[in-house]
Protein backbone atom coordinates (compact mmCIF):
# COMPACT_ATOMS: atom_id res chain seq x y z
CA UNK A 1 0.00 0.00 0.00
CA UNK A 2 1.15 3.50 -0.80
CA UNK A 3 0.50 6.96 0.53
CA UNK A 4 -1.07 9.58 -1.73
CA UNK A 5 2.34 11.23 -2.10
CA UNK A 6 3.99 7.97 -3.10
CA UNK A 7 1.24 7.28 -5.63
CA UNK A 8 1.67 10.77 -7.13
CA UNK A 9 5.41 10.09 -7.46
CA UNK A 10 4.79 6.73 -9.12
CA UNK A 11 2.43 8.33 -11.64
CA UNK A 12 4.90 11.11 -12.36
CA UNK A 13 7.76 8.67 -12.90
CA UNK A 14 5.79 6.35 -15.20
CA UNK A 15 3.49 8.77 -17.02
CA UNK A 16 5.83 11.74 -17.37
CA UNK A 17 3.50 14.39 -15.93
CA UNK A 18 2.37 15.51 -12.49
CA UNK A 19 -0.85 14.32 -10.87
CA UNK A 20 -2.44 15.68 -7.72
CA UNK A 21 -4.94 13.41 -5.97
CA UNK A 22 -8.10 15.16 -4.79
CA UNK A 23 -11.24 14.29 -2.89
CA UNK A 24 -14.24 16.56 -2.58
CA UNK A 25 -12.39 19.25 -4.54
CA UNK A 26 -9.51 19.42 -2.06
CA UNK A 27 -5.96 18.05 -2.28
CA UNK A 28 -5.52 14.77 -0.42
CA UNK A 29 -2.77 14.94 2.20
CA UNK A 30 0.40 13.34 0.88
CA UNK A 31 0.71 11.18 4.01
CA UNK A 32 -2.76 9.63 3.64
CA UNK A 33 -2.28 5.89 3.22
CA UNK A 34 -4.31 3.04 1.84
CA UNK A 35 -3.70 3.51 -1.89
CA UNK A 36 -2.80 0.60 -4.12
CA UNK A 37 0.41 1.14 -6.09
CA UNK A 38 -0.02 2.49 -9.63
CA UNK A 39 -0.67 -0.78 -11.49
CA UNK A 40 0.81 0.26 -14.84
CA UNK A 41 4.47 -0.08 -15.75
CA UNK A 42 4.30 1.71 -19.12
CA UNK A 43 3.11 5.16 -20.09
CA UNK A 44 -0.39 5.56 -21.41
CA UNK A 45 -0.49 6.13 -25.16
CA UNK A 46 0.55 9.59 -26.33
CA UNK A 47 -2.76 9.93 -28.18
CA UNK A 48 -4.83 9.43 -25.02
CA UNK A 49 -6.52 12.63 -23.87
CA UNK A 50 -6.21 14.04 -20.37
CA UNK A 51 -9.92 13.43 -19.74
CA UNK A 52 -9.57 9.74 -20.76
CA UNK A 53 -6.54 9.39 -18.48
CA UNK A 54 -8.48 10.95 -15.58
CA UNK A 55 -11.25 8.38 -16.19
CA UNK A 56 -8.60 5.65 -16.11
CA UNK A 57 -7.40 6.95 -12.75
CA UNK A 58 -10.93 7.20 -11.34
CA UNK A 59 -11.67 3.61 -12.38
CA UNK A 60 -8.61 2.46 -10.43
CA UNK A 61 -9.27 4.72 -7.41
CA UNK A 62 -13.04 5.21 -7.00
CA UNK A 63 -14.03 8.15 -4.82
CA UNK A 64 -10.94 10.14 -5.78
CA UNK A 65 -10.32 12.76 -8.42
CA UNK A 66 -7.02 13.78 -9.97
CA UNK A 67 -5.64 16.99 -11.45
CA UNK A 68 -3.09 16.64 -14.23
CA UNK A 69 -0.37 19.26 -14.56
CA UNK A 70 2.96 19.76 -16.24
CA UNK A 71 5.69 22.30 -15.73
CA UNK A 72 3.65 24.25 -13.19
CA UNK A 73 0.68 24.55 -15.57
CA UNK A 74 -2.38 23.08 -13.85
CA UNK A 75 -4.90 24.48 -16.35
CA UNK A 76 -4.74 21.69 -18.93
CA UNK A 77 -7.80 21.15 -21.13
CA UNK A 78 -9.35 17.67 -21.07
CA UNK A 79 -9.00 17.26 -24.84
CA UNK A 80 -5.22 17.76 -24.68
CA UNK A 81 -3.26 14.70 -25.77
CA UNK A 82 -0.80 13.34 -23.23
CA UNK A 83 2.08 13.75 -25.70
CA UNK A 84 1.58 17.53 -25.43
CA UNK A 85 2.15 17.65 -21.68
CA UNK A 86 5.02 15.19 -21.31
C-alpha atoms as a PDB file:
ATOM      1  CA  UNK A   1       0.000   0.000   0.000  1.00  0.00           C
ATOM      2  CA  UNK A   2       1.152   3.496  -0.805  1.00  0.00           C
ATOM      3  CA  UNK A   3       0.503   6.962   0.532  1.00  0.00           C
ATOM      4  CA  UNK A   4      -1.073   9.579  -1.727  1.00  0.00           C
ATOM      5  CA  UNK A   5       2.338  11.234  -2.102  1.00  0.00           C
ATOM      6  CA  UNK A   6       3.995   7.970  -3.102  1.00  0.00           C
ATOM      7  CA  UNK A   7       1.240   7.280  -5.625  1.00  0.00           C
ATOM      8  CA  UNK A   8       1.670  10.768  -7.128  1.00  0.00           C
ATOM      9  CA  UNK A   9       5.409  10.092  -7.461  1.00  0.00           C
ATOM     10  CA  UNK A  10       4.790   6.725  -9.122  1.00  0.00           C
ATOM     11  CA  UNK A  11       2.429   8.330 -11.638  1.00  0.00           C
ATOM     12  CA  UNK A  12       4.898  11.113 -12.364  1.00  0.00           C
ATOM     13  CA  UNK A  13       7.761   8.667 -12.901  1.00  0.00           C
ATOM     14  CA  UNK A  14       5.794   6.355 -15.200  1.00  0.00           C
ATOM     15  CA  UNK A  15       3.486   8.766 -17.022  1.00  0.00           C
ATOM     16  CA  UNK A  16       5.830  11.743 -17.370  1.00  0.00           C
ATOM     17  CA  UNK A  17       3.505  14.387 -15.928  1.00  0.00           C
ATOM     18  CA  UNK A  18       2.371  15.512 -12.488  1.00  0.00           C
ATOM     19  CA  UNK A  19      -0.853  14.316 -10.874  1.00  0.00           C
ATOM     20  CA  UNK A  20      -2.444  15.680  -7.716  1.00  0.00           C
ATOM     21  CA  UNK A  21      -4.941  13.413  -5.972  1.00  0.00           C
ATOM     22  CA  UNK A  22      -8.101  15.161  -4.786  1.00  0.00           C
ATOM     23  CA  UNK A  23     -11.236  14.294  -2.886  1.00  0.00           C
ATOM     24  CA  UNK A  24     -14.236  16.563  -2.583  1.00  0.00           C
ATOM     25  CA  UNK A  25     -12.391  19.251  -4.539  1.00  0.00           C
ATOM     26  CA  UNK A  26      -9.507  19.418  -2.059  1.00  0.00           C
ATOM     27  CA  UNK A  27      -5.964  18.045  -2.280  1.00  0.00           C
ATOM     28  CA  UNK A  28      -5.524  14.768  -0.417  1.00  0.00           C
ATOM     29  CA  UNK A  29      -2.770  14.942   2.196  1.00  0.00           C
ATOM     30  CA  UNK A  30       0.400  13.341   0.882  1.00  0.00           C
ATOM     31  CA  UNK A  31       0.706  11.176   4.012  1.00  0.00           C
ATOM     32  CA  UNK A  32      -2.763   9.629   3.644  1.00  0.00           C
ATOM     33  CA  UNK A  33      -2.279   5.887   3.221  1.00  0.00           C
ATOM     34  CA  UNK A  34      -4.307   3.035   1.837  1.00  0.00           C
ATOM     35  CA  UNK A  35      -3.698   3.508  -1.889  1.00  0.00           C
ATOM     36  CA  UNK A  36      -2.797   0.600  -4.115  1.00  0.00           C
ATOM     37  CA  UNK A  37       0.415   1.141  -6.092  1.00  0.00           C
ATOM     38  CA  UNK A  38      -0.022   2.491  -9.635  1.00  0.00           C
ATOM     39  CA  UNK A  39      -0.674  -0.782 -11.491  1.00  0.00           C
ATOM     40  CA  UNK A  40       0.810   0.258 -14.840  1.00  0.00           C
ATOM     41  CA  UNK A  41       4.469  -0.076 -15.748  1.00  0.00           C
ATOM     42  CA  UNK A  42       4.301   1.707 -19.121  1.00  0.00           C
ATOM     43  CA  UNK A  43       3.106   5.165 -20.087  1.00  0.00           C
ATOM     44  CA  UNK A  44      -0.388   5.564 -21.411  1.00  0.00           C
ATOM     45  CA  UNK A  45      -0.494   6.128 -25.163  1.00  0.00           C
ATOM     46  CA  UNK A  46       0.552   9.588 -26.333  1.00  0.00           C
ATOM     47  CA  UNK A  47      -2.755   9.927 -28.176  1.00  0.00           C
ATOM     48  CA  UNK A  48      -4.833   9.431 -25.018  1.00  0.00           C
ATOM     49  CA  UNK A  49      -6.516  12.631 -23.868  1.00  0.00           C
ATOM     50  CA  UNK A  50      -6.208  14.042 -20.369  1.00  0.00           C
ATOM     51  CA  UNK A  51      -9.923  13.426 -19.735  1.00  0.00           C
ATOM     52  CA  UNK A  52      -9.570   9.739 -20.760  1.00  0.00           C
ATOM     53  CA  UNK A  53      -6.539   9.389 -18.482  1.00  0.00           C
ATOM     54  CA  UNK A  54      -8.484  10.947 -15.584  1.00  0.00           C
ATOM     55  CA  UNK A  55     -11.253   8.381 -16.189  1.00  0.00           C
ATOM     56  CA  UNK A  56      -8.597   5.646 -16.110  1.00  0.00           C
ATOM     57  CA  UNK A  57      -7.396   6.955 -12.750  1.00  0.00           C
ATOM     58  CA  UNK A  58     -10.934   7.196 -11.338  1.00  0.00           C
ATOM     59  CA  UNK A  59     -11.669   3.609 -12.383  1.00  0.00           C
ATOM     60  CA  UNK A  60      -8.613   2.463 -10.431  1.00  0.00           C
ATOM     61  CA  UNK A  61      -9.272   4.721  -7.407  1.00  0.00           C
ATOM     62  CA  UNK A  62     -13.039   5.206  -6.997  1.00  0.00           C
ATOM     63  CA  UNK A  63     -14.033   8.145  -4.825  1.00  0.00           C
ATOM     64  CA  UNK A  64     -10.945  10.145  -5.781  1.00  0.00           C
ATOM     65  CA  UNK A  65     -10.316  12.761  -8.418  1.00  0.00           C
ATOM     66  CA  UNK A  66      -7.021  13.785  -9.969  1.00  0.00           C
ATOM     67  CA  UNK A  67      -5.635  16.989 -11.451  1.00  0.00           C
ATOM     68  CA  UNK A  68      -3.089  16.639 -14.229  1.00  0.00           C
ATOM     69  CA  UNK A  69      -0.366  19.264 -14.562  1.00  0.00           C
ATOM     70  CA  UNK A  70       2.960  19.758 -16.243  1.00  0.00           C
ATOM     71  CA  UNK A  71       5.695  22.305 -15.732  1.00  0.00           C
ATOM     72  CA  UNK A  72       3.653  24.248 -13.192  1.00  0.00           C
ATOM     73  CA  UNK A  73       0.679  24.548 -15.574  1.00  0.00           C
ATOM     74  CA  UNK A  74      -2.381  23.078 -13.848  1.00  0.00           C
ATOM     75  CA  UNK A  75      -4.904  24.477 -16.349  1.00  0.00           C
ATOM     76  CA  UNK A  76      -4.741  21.690 -18.931  1.00  0.00           C
ATOM     77  CA  UNK A  77      -7.800  21.151 -21.127  1.00  0.00           C
ATOM     78  CA  UNK A  78      -9.351  17.668 -21.071  1.00  0.00           C
ATOM     79  CA  UNK A  79      -8.998  17.258 -24.842  1.00  0.00           C
ATOM     80  CA  UNK A  80      -5.222  17.762 -24.684  1.00  0.00           C
ATOM     81  CA  UNK A  81      -3.255  14.699 -25.773  1.00  0.00           C
ATOM     82  CA  UNK A  82      -0.797  13.339 -23.225  1.00  0.00           C
ATOM     83  CA  UNK A  83       2.080  13.750 -25.698  1.00  0.00           C
ATOM     84  CA  UNK A  84       1.582  17.529 -25.430  1.00  0.00           C
ATOM     85  CA  UNK A  85       2.153  17.647 -21.682  1.00  0.00           C
ATOM     86  CA  UNK A  86       5.018  15.190 -21.315  1.00  0.00           C
END
